[in-house]
N, C-alpha and C. Protein backbone atom coordinates (compact mmCIF):
# COMPACT_ATOMS: atom_id res chain seq x y z
N MET A 1 -16.07 1.88 131.06
CA MET A 1 -17.07 2.81 131.59
C MET A 1 -16.99 4.15 130.84
N SER A 2 -18.12 4.65 130.42
CA SER A 2 -18.15 5.88 129.61
C SER A 2 -17.80 7.12 130.43
N ILE A 3 -17.14 8.07 129.78
CA ILE A 3 -16.89 9.37 130.39
C ILE A 3 -18.18 10.18 130.28
N LYS A 4 -18.67 10.64 131.43
CA LYS A 4 -19.92 11.42 131.45
C LYS A 4 -19.60 12.90 131.17
N VAL A 5 -20.25 13.43 130.15
CA VAL A 5 -19.97 14.81 129.72
C VAL A 5 -21.25 15.65 129.76
N ALA A 6 -21.12 16.89 130.21
CA ALA A 6 -22.22 17.85 130.14
C ALA A 6 -21.78 19.00 129.25
N ILE A 7 -22.71 19.60 128.55
CA ILE A 7 -22.41 20.68 127.62
C ILE A 7 -23.16 21.94 128.03
N VAL A 8 -22.46 23.07 128.04
CA VAL A 8 -23.09 24.37 128.29
C VAL A 8 -22.78 25.23 127.07
N GLU A 9 -23.76 25.41 126.20
CA GLU A 9 -23.56 26.07 124.91
C GLU A 9 -24.89 26.66 124.44
N ASP A 10 -24.88 27.97 124.13
CA ASP A 10 -26.14 28.61 123.74
C ASP A 10 -26.47 28.47 122.26
N ASN A 11 -25.51 28.00 121.45
CA ASN A 11 -25.78 27.76 120.04
C ASN A 11 -26.40 26.36 119.91
N ARG A 12 -27.70 26.34 119.62
CA ARG A 12 -28.43 25.08 119.62
C ARG A 12 -27.87 24.07 118.63
N SER A 13 -27.56 24.52 117.43
CA SER A 13 -27.05 23.62 116.40
C SER A 13 -25.75 22.95 116.84
N PHE A 14 -24.82 23.76 117.33
CA PHE A 14 -23.53 23.23 117.78
C PHE A 14 -23.72 22.31 118.98
N ARG A 15 -24.60 22.73 119.90
CA ARG A 15 -24.87 21.93 121.11
C ARG A 15 -25.42 20.56 120.74
N ASP A 16 -26.40 20.55 119.83
CA ASP A 16 -27.03 19.28 119.42
C ASP A 16 -26.04 18.38 118.69
N LYS A 17 -25.23 18.96 117.81
CA LYS A 17 -24.25 18.17 117.06
C LYS A 17 -23.23 17.54 118.02
N LEU A 18 -22.77 18.34 118.99
CA LEU A 18 -21.78 17.86 119.95
C LEU A 18 -22.37 16.75 120.82
N SER A 19 -23.59 16.96 121.27
CA SER A 19 -24.26 15.97 122.10
C SER A 19 -24.45 14.66 121.35
N THR A 20 -24.91 14.75 120.10
CA THR A 20 -25.13 13.56 119.28
C THR A 20 -23.81 12.83 119.02
N TYR A 21 -22.77 13.59 118.71
CA TYR A 21 -21.45 13.00 118.43
C TYR A 21 -20.93 12.22 119.64
N LEU A 22 -21.07 12.81 120.83
CA LEU A 22 -20.61 12.14 122.04
C LEU A 22 -21.38 10.85 122.29
N ASN A 23 -22.69 10.92 122.13
CA ASN A 23 -23.53 9.75 122.41
C ASN A 23 -23.33 8.63 121.38
N GLU A 24 -22.85 8.98 120.20
CA GLU A 24 -22.63 7.96 119.17
C GLU A 24 -21.20 7.42 119.18
N THR A 25 -20.39 7.94 120.12
CA THR A 25 -19.00 7.49 120.22
C THR A 25 -18.82 6.60 121.44
N ASN A 26 -18.26 5.42 121.24
CA ASN A 26 -18.03 4.50 122.35
C ASN A 26 -17.13 5.15 123.41
N GLY A 27 -17.51 4.99 124.67
CA GLY A 27 -16.69 5.52 125.77
C GLY A 27 -17.08 6.91 126.22
N TYR A 28 -18.11 7.49 125.57
CA TYR A 28 -18.56 8.83 125.94
C TYR A 28 -20.08 8.86 126.07
N LYS A 29 -20.56 9.68 126.96
CA LYS A 29 -22.02 9.83 127.12
C LYS A 29 -22.34 11.25 127.54
N CYS A 30 -23.18 11.93 126.77
CA CYS A 30 -23.63 13.27 127.13
C CYS A 30 -24.83 13.12 128.07
N ILE A 31 -24.66 13.55 129.31
CA ILE A 31 -25.73 13.38 130.30
C ILE A 31 -26.52 14.66 130.54
N GLY A 32 -26.14 15.74 129.86
CA GLY A 32 -26.87 16.99 130.02
C GLY A 32 -26.35 18.05 129.06
N ALA A 33 -27.26 18.81 128.45
CA ALA A 33 -26.87 19.89 127.53
C ALA A 33 -27.73 21.12 127.84
N TYR A 34 -27.08 22.24 128.13
CA TYR A 34 -27.80 23.43 128.60
C TYR A 34 -27.43 24.65 127.77
N ASP A 35 -28.42 25.54 127.60
CA ASP A 35 -28.17 26.73 126.78
C ASP A 35 -27.86 27.97 127.62
N SER A 36 -27.77 27.82 128.93
CA SER A 36 -27.46 28.97 129.78
C SER A 36 -26.65 28.53 131.00
N ALA A 37 -25.89 29.47 131.53
CA ALA A 37 -25.10 29.20 132.73
C ALA A 37 -26.02 28.95 133.92
N GLU A 38 -27.15 29.65 133.94
CA GLU A 38 -28.08 29.50 135.07
C GLU A 38 -28.59 28.07 135.17
N ASP A 39 -28.97 27.48 134.03
CA ASP A 39 -29.44 26.09 134.04
C ASP A 39 -28.30 25.14 134.40
N ALA A 40 -27.11 25.45 133.92
CA ALA A 40 -25.95 24.61 134.22
C ALA A 40 -25.68 24.55 135.71
N VAL A 41 -25.71 25.71 136.35
CA VAL A 41 -25.47 25.78 137.79
C VAL A 41 -26.57 25.04 138.56
N LYS A 42 -27.77 25.05 138.02
CA LYS A 42 -28.91 24.40 138.68
C LYS A 42 -28.85 22.88 138.58
N TYR A 43 -28.47 22.37 137.41
CA TYR A 43 -28.60 20.92 137.17
C TYR A 43 -27.28 20.12 137.24
N ILE A 44 -26.18 20.72 136.81
CA ILE A 44 -24.93 19.96 136.74
C ILE A 44 -24.46 19.41 138.10
N PRO A 45 -24.57 20.18 139.20
CA PRO A 45 -24.16 19.62 140.49
C PRO A 45 -24.95 18.36 140.89
N LYS A 46 -26.16 18.21 140.37
CA LYS A 46 -26.97 17.03 140.67
C LYS A 46 -26.53 15.83 139.83
N LEU A 47 -26.04 16.10 138.61
CA LEU A 47 -25.64 15.03 137.70
C LEU A 47 -24.19 14.59 137.91
N LEU A 48 -23.35 15.51 138.35
CA LEU A 48 -21.92 15.26 138.56
C LEU A 48 -21.26 14.57 137.37
N PRO A 49 -21.18 15.24 136.23
CA PRO A 49 -20.46 14.68 135.08
C PRO A 49 -18.96 14.65 135.37
N ASP A 50 -18.23 13.91 134.55
CA ASP A 50 -16.77 13.90 134.71
C ASP A 50 -16.16 15.16 134.12
N VAL A 51 -16.72 15.58 132.98
CA VAL A 51 -16.18 16.75 132.26
C VAL A 51 -17.33 17.63 131.78
N VAL A 52 -17.15 18.95 131.87
CA VAL A 52 -18.11 19.91 131.34
C VAL A 52 -17.45 20.67 130.20
N LEU A 53 -18.12 20.72 129.05
CA LEU A 53 -17.67 21.55 127.94
C LEU A 53 -18.40 22.87 128.05
N MET A 54 -17.68 23.93 128.33
CA MET A 54 -18.27 25.22 128.68
C MET A 54 -18.01 26.30 127.64
N ASP A 55 -19.07 26.81 127.03
CA ASP A 55 -18.95 27.94 126.11
C ASP A 55 -18.53 29.17 126.93
N ILE A 56 -17.54 29.89 126.44
CA ILE A 56 -17.07 31.06 127.21
C ILE A 56 -17.99 32.26 127.04
N HIS A 57 -18.70 32.34 125.89
CA HIS A 57 -19.61 33.46 125.63
C HIS A 57 -21.05 32.98 125.82
N LEU A 58 -21.66 33.32 126.93
CA LEU A 58 -23.03 32.92 127.22
C LEU A 58 -23.87 34.16 127.55
N PRO A 59 -25.17 34.11 127.33
CA PRO A 59 -26.03 35.25 127.70
C PRO A 59 -26.11 35.34 129.21
N ASN A 60 -26.31 36.53 129.74
CA ASN A 60 -26.40 36.75 131.19
C ASN A 60 -25.11 36.32 131.88
N MET A 61 -25.15 35.28 132.72
CA MET A 61 -23.94 34.83 133.40
C MET A 61 -22.95 34.28 132.38
N SER A 62 -21.70 34.72 132.45
CA SER A 62 -20.70 34.30 131.48
C SER A 62 -20.18 32.90 131.78
N GLY A 63 -19.47 32.34 130.80
CA GLY A 63 -18.86 31.03 131.00
C GLY A 63 -17.81 31.06 132.09
N VAL A 64 -17.13 32.19 132.24
CA VAL A 64 -16.12 32.32 133.30
C VAL A 64 -16.79 32.27 134.68
N ASP A 65 -17.86 33.04 134.84
CA ASP A 65 -18.57 33.05 136.13
C ASP A 65 -19.22 31.70 136.41
N CYS A 66 -19.73 31.06 135.36
CA CYS A 66 -20.35 29.74 135.52
C CYS A 66 -19.30 28.72 135.96
N THR A 67 -18.11 28.81 135.38
CA THR A 67 -17.00 27.93 135.76
C THR A 67 -16.67 28.09 137.23
N ARG A 68 -16.55 29.33 137.66
CA ARG A 68 -16.22 29.61 139.07
C ARG A 68 -17.28 29.04 140.01
N ARG A 69 -18.54 29.21 139.64
CA ARG A 69 -19.65 28.73 140.48
C ARG A 69 -19.69 27.21 140.53
N LEU A 70 -19.51 26.57 139.40
CA LEU A 70 -19.54 25.11 139.36
C LEU A 70 -18.39 24.50 140.15
N LYS A 71 -17.22 25.12 140.09
CA LYS A 71 -16.08 24.60 140.84
C LYS A 71 -16.30 24.73 142.34
N GLU A 72 -17.08 25.74 142.74
CA GLU A 72 -17.44 25.88 144.16
C GLU A 72 -18.43 24.79 144.57
N LEU A 73 -19.38 24.49 143.68
CA LEU A 73 -20.44 23.53 144.00
C LEU A 73 -19.99 22.08 143.83
N CYS A 74 -19.15 21.81 142.85
CA CYS A 74 -18.69 20.43 142.61
C CYS A 74 -17.23 20.48 142.15
N PRO A 75 -16.29 20.61 143.09
CA PRO A 75 -14.87 20.78 142.79
C PRO A 75 -14.25 19.68 141.94
N SER A 76 -14.80 18.46 142.00
CA SER A 76 -14.20 17.34 141.27
C SER A 76 -14.48 17.38 139.77
N VAL A 77 -15.48 18.16 139.36
CA VAL A 77 -15.84 18.23 137.94
C VAL A 77 -14.77 18.99 137.16
N GLN A 78 -14.31 18.40 136.06
CA GLN A 78 -13.31 19.05 135.21
C GLN A 78 -14.03 19.86 134.13
N ILE A 79 -13.56 21.08 133.92
CA ILE A 79 -14.23 21.98 132.96
C ILE A 79 -13.29 22.37 131.83
N LEU A 80 -13.75 22.15 130.62
CA LEU A 80 -13.03 22.55 129.41
C LEU A 80 -13.76 23.71 128.76
N ILE A 81 -13.07 24.78 128.50
CA ILE A 81 -13.68 25.95 127.89
C ILE A 81 -13.76 25.78 126.37
N LEU A 82 -14.92 26.08 125.82
CA LEU A 82 -15.13 26.08 124.36
C LEU A 82 -15.11 27.53 123.88
N THR A 83 -14.32 27.81 122.87
CA THR A 83 -14.26 29.18 122.38
C THR A 83 -14.10 29.21 120.87
N VAL A 84 -14.67 30.24 120.24
CA VAL A 84 -14.60 30.37 118.79
C VAL A 84 -13.19 30.75 118.36
N TYR A 85 -12.56 31.64 119.12
CA TYR A 85 -11.20 32.06 118.81
C TYR A 85 -10.43 32.25 120.11
N GLU A 86 -9.13 32.37 120.01
CA GLU A 86 -8.30 32.44 121.21
C GLU A 86 -8.34 33.83 121.85
N ASP A 87 -9.39 34.06 122.62
CA ASP A 87 -9.54 35.30 123.38
C ASP A 87 -8.74 35.11 124.67
N ASN A 88 -7.46 35.47 124.61
CA ASN A 88 -6.54 35.14 125.69
C ASN A 88 -6.98 35.62 127.07
N ASP A 89 -7.49 36.84 127.15
CA ASP A 89 -7.88 37.38 128.45
C ASP A 89 -9.03 36.58 129.06
N ARG A 90 -10.04 36.27 128.25
CA ARG A 90 -11.18 35.51 128.78
C ARG A 90 -10.78 34.08 129.13
N ILE A 91 -9.97 33.46 128.27
CA ILE A 91 -9.53 32.09 128.54
C ILE A 91 -8.71 32.07 129.82
N PHE A 92 -7.81 33.02 129.97
CA PHE A 92 -6.98 33.10 131.17
C PHE A 92 -7.85 33.29 132.41
N GLY A 93 -8.89 34.13 132.27
CA GLY A 93 -9.81 34.34 133.38
C GLY A 93 -10.54 33.06 133.76
N ALA A 94 -10.92 32.28 132.74
CA ALA A 94 -11.62 31.02 132.99
C ALA A 94 -10.71 30.02 133.69
N LEU A 95 -9.43 29.98 133.28
CA LEU A 95 -8.48 29.06 133.92
C LEU A 95 -8.26 29.45 135.38
N LYS A 96 -8.19 30.74 135.65
CA LYS A 96 -8.04 31.21 137.02
C LYS A 96 -9.30 30.90 137.84
N ALA A 97 -10.45 30.83 137.15
CA ALA A 97 -11.71 30.53 137.84
C ALA A 97 -11.88 29.04 138.12
N GLY A 98 -10.99 28.21 137.53
CA GLY A 98 -11.07 26.78 137.83
C GLY A 98 -11.13 25.85 136.64
N ALA A 99 -11.18 26.40 135.42
CA ALA A 99 -11.19 25.52 134.24
C ALA A 99 -9.84 24.82 134.12
N SER A 100 -9.86 23.62 133.53
CA SER A 100 -8.64 22.82 133.41
C SER A 100 -7.96 22.97 132.06
N GLY A 101 -8.61 23.61 131.12
CA GLY A 101 -8.04 23.77 129.80
C GLY A 101 -9.09 24.35 128.85
N TYR A 102 -8.77 24.40 127.57
CA TYR A 102 -9.74 24.93 126.62
C TYR A 102 -9.50 24.33 125.25
N LEU A 103 -10.50 24.40 124.40
CA LEU A 103 -10.36 23.95 123.02
C LEU A 103 -11.19 24.85 122.13
N LEU A 104 -10.77 24.95 120.87
CA LEU A 104 -11.47 25.80 119.91
C LEU A 104 -12.64 25.03 119.31
N LYS A 105 -13.74 25.74 119.07
CA LYS A 105 -14.93 25.10 118.51
C LYS A 105 -14.67 24.55 117.11
N ARG A 106 -13.71 25.12 116.42
CA ARG A 106 -13.42 24.64 115.07
C ARG A 106 -12.53 23.40 115.07
N ALA A 107 -12.16 22.92 116.25
CA ALA A 107 -11.31 21.73 116.35
C ALA A 107 -12.01 20.52 115.75
N ASP A 108 -11.23 19.59 115.23
CA ASP A 108 -11.80 18.35 114.70
C ASP A 108 -12.48 17.60 115.83
N PRO A 109 -13.55 16.85 115.51
CA PRO A 109 -14.24 16.06 116.53
C PRO A 109 -13.30 15.16 117.33
N THR A 110 -12.32 14.56 116.64
CA THR A 110 -11.38 13.68 117.35
C THR A 110 -10.52 14.48 118.35
N ASP A 111 -10.23 15.75 118.01
CA ASP A 111 -9.46 16.60 118.93
C ASP A 111 -10.26 16.91 120.19
N ILE A 112 -11.58 17.05 120.01
CA ILE A 112 -12.45 17.30 121.16
C ILE A 112 -12.45 16.08 122.08
N LEU A 113 -12.52 14.88 121.49
CA LEU A 113 -12.47 13.65 122.29
C LEU A 113 -11.13 13.53 123.01
N ASP A 114 -10.05 13.87 122.30
CA ASP A 114 -8.72 13.80 122.91
C ASP A 114 -8.61 14.76 124.09
N ALA A 115 -9.18 15.96 123.93
CA ALA A 115 -9.13 16.96 125.00
C ALA A 115 -9.92 16.48 126.22
N ILE A 116 -11.07 15.86 125.97
CA ILE A 116 -11.88 15.33 127.08
C ILE A 116 -11.11 14.24 127.81
N GLN A 117 -10.48 13.33 127.04
CA GLN A 117 -9.67 12.27 127.64
C GLN A 117 -8.52 12.87 128.44
N ASP A 118 -7.87 13.86 127.85
CA ASP A 118 -6.71 14.50 128.47
C ASP A 118 -7.07 15.10 129.83
N VAL A 119 -8.14 15.90 129.86
CA VAL A 119 -8.52 16.57 131.09
C VAL A 119 -9.04 15.56 132.12
N ARG A 120 -9.68 14.49 131.63
CA ARG A 120 -10.17 13.45 132.54
C ARG A 120 -9.01 12.74 133.24
N GLN A 121 -7.88 12.66 132.55
CA GLN A 121 -6.71 11.98 133.11
C GLN A 121 -5.76 12.93 133.83
N GLY A 122 -6.22 14.16 134.06
CA GLY A 122 -5.41 15.11 134.82
C GLY A 122 -4.61 16.09 133.99
N GLY A 123 -4.80 16.06 132.66
CA GLY A 123 -4.07 16.99 131.80
C GLY A 123 -4.74 18.35 131.72
N SER A 124 -4.07 19.29 131.04
CA SER A 124 -4.62 20.64 130.87
C SER A 124 -4.36 21.10 129.45
N PRO A 125 -5.23 20.71 128.51
CA PRO A 125 -5.02 21.11 127.11
C PRO A 125 -5.14 22.62 126.92
N MET A 126 -4.06 23.24 126.50
CA MET A 126 -4.07 24.68 126.24
C MET A 126 -2.86 25.04 125.40
N SER A 127 -2.89 26.20 124.78
CA SER A 127 -1.77 26.63 123.96
C SER A 127 -0.59 27.02 124.84
N SER A 128 0.61 27.02 124.27
CA SER A 128 1.81 27.37 125.03
C SER A 128 1.75 28.82 125.50
N GLN A 129 1.10 29.68 124.71
CA GLN A 129 0.98 31.10 125.09
C GLN A 129 0.16 31.26 126.36
N ILE A 130 -0.99 30.55 126.42
CA ILE A 130 -1.83 30.61 127.61
C ILE A 130 -1.12 29.95 128.79
N ALA A 131 -0.47 28.83 128.55
CA ALA A 131 0.24 28.11 129.62
C ALA A 131 1.30 29.01 130.25
N ARG A 132 1.98 29.78 129.41
CA ARG A 132 3.02 30.68 129.91
C ARG A 132 2.42 31.73 130.84
N ARG A 133 1.23 32.23 130.48
CA ARG A 133 0.57 33.23 131.33
C ARG A 133 0.14 32.63 132.66
N VAL A 134 -0.31 31.39 132.62
CA VAL A 134 -0.72 30.72 133.85
C VAL A 134 0.48 30.55 134.79
N VAL A 135 1.59 30.09 134.23
CA VAL A 135 2.81 29.90 135.04
C VAL A 135 3.27 31.24 135.63
N GLN A 136 3.24 32.29 134.82
CA GLN A 136 3.64 33.60 135.30
C GLN A 136 2.74 34.09 136.42
N SER A 137 1.45 33.79 136.31
CA SER A 137 0.49 34.19 137.34
C SER A 137 0.81 33.51 138.66
N PHE A 138 1.15 32.21 138.60
CA PHE A 138 1.49 31.49 139.83
C PHE A 138 2.76 32.05 140.44
N ARG A 139 3.72 32.41 139.60
CA ARG A 139 4.96 32.98 140.12
C ARG A 139 4.70 34.29 140.85
N GLU A 140 3.82 35.10 140.27
CA GLU A 140 3.52 36.41 140.86
C GLU A 140 2.76 36.28 142.18
N SER A 141 1.90 35.25 142.29
CA SER A 141 1.07 35.10 143.48
C SER A 141 1.70 34.22 144.54
N ALA A 142 2.79 33.48 144.18
CA ALA A 142 3.40 32.57 145.16
C ALA A 142 4.10 33.36 146.25
N PRO A 143 3.98 32.92 147.50
CA PRO A 143 4.67 33.60 148.61
C PRO A 143 6.18 33.51 148.44
N ASP A 144 6.86 34.56 148.80
CA ASP A 144 8.32 34.57 148.77
C ASP A 144 8.83 34.03 150.10
N PRO A 145 9.50 32.85 150.10
CA PRO A 145 9.95 32.26 151.35
C PRO A 145 10.87 33.16 152.15
N GLN A 146 11.63 34.02 151.45
CA GLN A 146 12.53 34.91 152.18
C GLN A 146 11.75 35.93 153.00
N LYS A 147 10.62 36.40 152.41
CA LYS A 147 9.81 37.38 153.12
C LYS A 147 9.20 36.78 154.38
N GLU A 148 8.90 35.49 154.35
CA GLU A 148 8.27 34.84 155.49
C GLU A 148 9.19 34.82 156.71
N GLU A 149 10.50 34.91 156.50
CA GLU A 149 11.45 34.78 157.60
C GLU A 149 11.79 36.12 158.24
N LYS A 150 11.39 37.19 157.60
CA LYS A 150 11.78 38.51 158.08
C LYS A 150 10.83 39.06 159.14
N LEU A 151 10.71 38.34 160.23
CA LEU A 151 9.92 38.83 161.36
C LEU A 151 10.83 39.61 162.29
N SER A 152 10.31 40.67 162.85
CA SER A 152 11.10 41.44 163.81
C SER A 152 11.21 40.66 165.12
N GLN A 153 12.12 41.10 165.99
CA GLN A 153 12.30 40.41 167.27
C GLN A 153 11.00 40.47 168.08
N ARG A 154 10.32 41.60 168.06
CA ARG A 154 9.06 41.75 168.79
C ARG A 154 7.99 40.80 168.22
N GLU A 155 7.94 40.71 166.91
CA GLU A 155 6.95 39.82 166.27
C GLU A 155 7.21 38.37 166.64
N GLU A 156 8.49 37.97 166.70
CA GLU A 156 8.82 36.60 167.10
C GLU A 156 8.43 36.35 168.55
N GLU A 157 8.64 37.34 169.41
CA GLU A 157 8.27 37.21 170.82
C GLU A 157 6.75 37.01 170.95
N ILE A 158 6.00 37.79 170.17
CA ILE A 158 4.54 37.69 170.21
C ILE A 158 4.08 36.32 169.70
N LEU A 159 4.73 35.84 168.65
CA LEU A 159 4.39 34.52 168.13
C LEU A 159 4.68 33.42 169.15
N GLN A 160 5.78 33.55 169.87
CA GLN A 160 6.11 32.57 170.90
C GLN A 160 5.05 32.54 171.99
N GLN A 161 4.60 33.72 172.39
CA GLN A 161 3.56 33.79 173.41
C GLN A 161 2.23 33.27 172.88
N LEU A 162 1.98 33.54 171.61
CA LEU A 162 0.77 33.06 170.96
C LEU A 162 0.75 31.53 170.96
N SER A 163 1.91 30.93 170.70
CA SER A 163 2.00 29.47 170.64
C SER A 163 1.81 28.83 172.02
N LYS A 164 1.97 29.62 173.06
CA LYS A 164 1.76 29.11 174.43
C LYS A 164 0.33 29.30 174.89
N GLY A 165 -0.50 29.89 174.00
CA GLY A 165 -1.91 30.04 174.32
C GLY A 165 -2.28 31.35 174.98
N TYR A 166 -1.36 32.31 174.99
CA TYR A 166 -1.66 33.59 175.62
C TYR A 166 -2.71 34.35 174.80
N SER A 167 -3.58 35.08 175.49
CA SER A 167 -4.56 35.92 174.82
C SER A 167 -3.90 37.23 174.40
N THR A 168 -4.61 38.01 173.61
CA THR A 168 -4.07 39.30 173.16
C THR A 168 -3.77 40.19 174.36
N LYS A 169 -4.66 40.21 175.35
CA LYS A 169 -4.46 41.05 176.54
C LYS A 169 -3.26 40.56 177.35
N GLU A 170 -3.12 39.25 177.48
CA GLU A 170 -1.99 38.70 178.23
C GLU A 170 -0.67 39.03 177.56
N ILE A 171 -0.66 38.98 176.23
CA ILE A 171 0.56 39.33 175.48
C ILE A 171 0.89 40.80 175.69
N ALA A 172 -0.16 41.63 175.66
CA ALA A 172 0.04 43.07 175.86
C ALA A 172 0.63 43.35 177.25
N ASP A 173 0.06 42.71 178.27
CA ASP A 173 0.54 42.90 179.65
C ASP A 173 1.97 42.41 179.79
N HIS A 174 2.25 41.26 179.23
CA HIS A 174 3.57 40.65 179.35
C HIS A 174 4.64 41.48 178.65
N SER A 175 4.25 42.12 177.53
CA SER A 175 5.21 42.88 176.72
C SER A 175 5.19 44.37 177.04
N SER A 176 4.31 44.76 177.95
CA SER A 176 4.19 46.16 178.35
C SER A 176 3.85 47.07 177.16
N ILE A 177 2.91 46.58 176.32
CA ILE A 177 2.43 47.38 175.20
C ILE A 177 0.90 47.32 175.21
N SER A 178 0.27 48.15 174.40
CA SER A 178 -1.19 48.18 174.38
C SER A 178 -1.76 47.01 173.57
N VAL A 179 -3.02 46.71 173.82
CA VAL A 179 -3.72 45.66 173.08
C VAL A 179 -3.74 45.99 171.59
N ASN A 180 -3.98 47.27 171.26
CA ASN A 180 -4.01 47.69 169.86
C ASN A 180 -2.67 47.48 169.17
N THR A 181 -1.59 47.69 169.93
CA THR A 181 -0.25 47.48 169.36
C THR A 181 -0.03 46.00 169.07
N VAL A 182 -0.51 45.14 169.96
CA VAL A 182 -0.40 43.69 169.74
C VAL A 182 -1.16 43.30 168.48
N ARG A 183 -2.37 43.85 168.33
CA ARG A 183 -3.17 43.54 167.16
C ARG A 183 -2.47 43.98 165.87
N THR A 184 -1.81 45.13 165.92
CA THR A 184 -1.07 45.61 164.76
C THR A 184 0.08 44.67 164.42
N HIS A 185 0.80 44.23 165.46
CA HIS A 185 1.89 43.27 165.24
C HIS A 185 1.36 41.97 164.65
N LEU A 186 0.21 41.51 165.16
CA LEU A 186 -0.39 40.26 164.66
C LEU A 186 -0.73 40.39 163.18
N GLN A 187 -1.26 41.55 162.80
CA GLN A 187 -1.60 41.77 161.39
C GLN A 187 -0.37 41.71 160.51
N HIS A 188 0.72 42.30 160.99
CA HIS A 188 1.97 42.26 160.24
C HIS A 188 2.50 40.84 160.13
N ILE A 189 2.34 40.08 161.22
CA ILE A 189 2.79 38.67 161.22
C ILE A 189 2.01 37.87 160.19
N TYR A 190 0.68 38.06 160.17
CA TYR A 190 -0.16 37.35 159.21
C TYR A 190 0.28 37.65 157.78
N GLU A 191 0.55 38.94 157.52
CA GLU A 191 0.93 39.34 156.17
C GLU A 191 2.28 38.74 155.76
N LYS A 192 3.23 38.74 156.69
CA LYS A 192 4.56 38.23 156.38
C LYS A 192 4.57 36.71 156.21
N LEU A 193 3.73 36.02 156.97
CA LEU A 193 3.68 34.56 156.88
C LEU A 193 2.66 34.07 155.87
N HIS A 194 1.91 35.00 155.29
CA HIS A 194 0.86 34.67 154.30
C HIS A 194 -0.17 33.72 154.90
N VAL A 195 -0.65 34.08 156.09
CA VAL A 195 -1.69 33.29 156.75
C VAL A 195 -2.86 34.21 157.10
N ARG A 196 -3.98 33.59 157.54
CA ARG A 196 -5.18 34.38 157.81
C ARG A 196 -5.70 34.23 159.24
N SER A 197 -5.03 33.43 160.07
CA SER A 197 -5.53 33.21 161.42
C SER A 197 -4.39 32.93 162.39
N ARG A 198 -4.71 32.99 163.67
CA ARG A 198 -3.71 32.67 164.70
C ARG A 198 -3.23 31.23 164.57
N THR A 199 -4.21 30.35 164.33
CA THR A 199 -3.85 28.92 164.23
C THR A 199 -2.85 28.68 163.11
N GLU A 200 -3.11 29.27 161.93
CA GLU A 200 -2.20 29.11 160.81
C GLU A 200 -0.82 29.71 161.13
N ALA A 201 -0.82 30.85 161.81
CA ALA A 201 0.44 31.51 162.16
C ALA A 201 1.24 30.63 163.11
N ILE A 202 0.57 30.05 164.11
CA ILE A 202 1.26 29.20 165.10
C ILE A 202 1.82 27.96 164.42
N LEU A 203 1.02 27.32 163.56
CA LEU A 203 1.47 26.11 162.87
C LEU A 203 2.70 26.40 162.02
N LYS A 204 2.70 27.54 161.33
CA LYS A 204 3.83 27.90 160.49
C LYS A 204 5.06 28.21 161.34
N PHE A 205 4.82 28.87 162.47
CA PHE A 205 5.91 29.23 163.37
C PHE A 205 6.55 27.98 163.98
N LEU A 206 5.73 27.00 164.37
CA LEU A 206 6.23 25.78 165.02
C LEU A 206 6.99 24.88 164.06
N LYS A 207 6.73 25.04 162.73
CA LYS A 207 7.49 24.27 161.74
C LYS A 207 8.93 24.71 161.70
């Protein structure tokens, strides 16, 4: 079964050559080629290709923004960034937006096919320099497990009452503090546990 590929590239010559090359190669099929991010966002979610080859430099909406939008609309689609040169900041931004890897436009045609195969099978073709930045980004954004445990005695008491289904007012009455003070404690609890709701806080607490 052929890998379905869509192309988002404003250079007509390059776009046509890439599309023709894919269609003439066994195991690959170009099902859509677009010269703007706006058209890509409009049509690609309807076609659901396996892989999108995305130019990072596009008129109006950028390739980074287009990547982010497509991943919101069709999360299963794998996106490979196409770039003329290794613009690390833009490539890194595209990877954070949801792209799975990138390749240089000057790459050999066989390298492009290899990259498509790689990303289709769950790989992330990218240089070691970019990969290092991605890993560092995850380290910086990952929650610190030690910080999650540093709840005050009052915060733990409030969480226990929360897990029993008490309302904010009931917790305030039970603890002899104001409703606003309870809300402040809850906000601190959310921040320390890296959660966004009461339900998430209770689930984490009960673990």
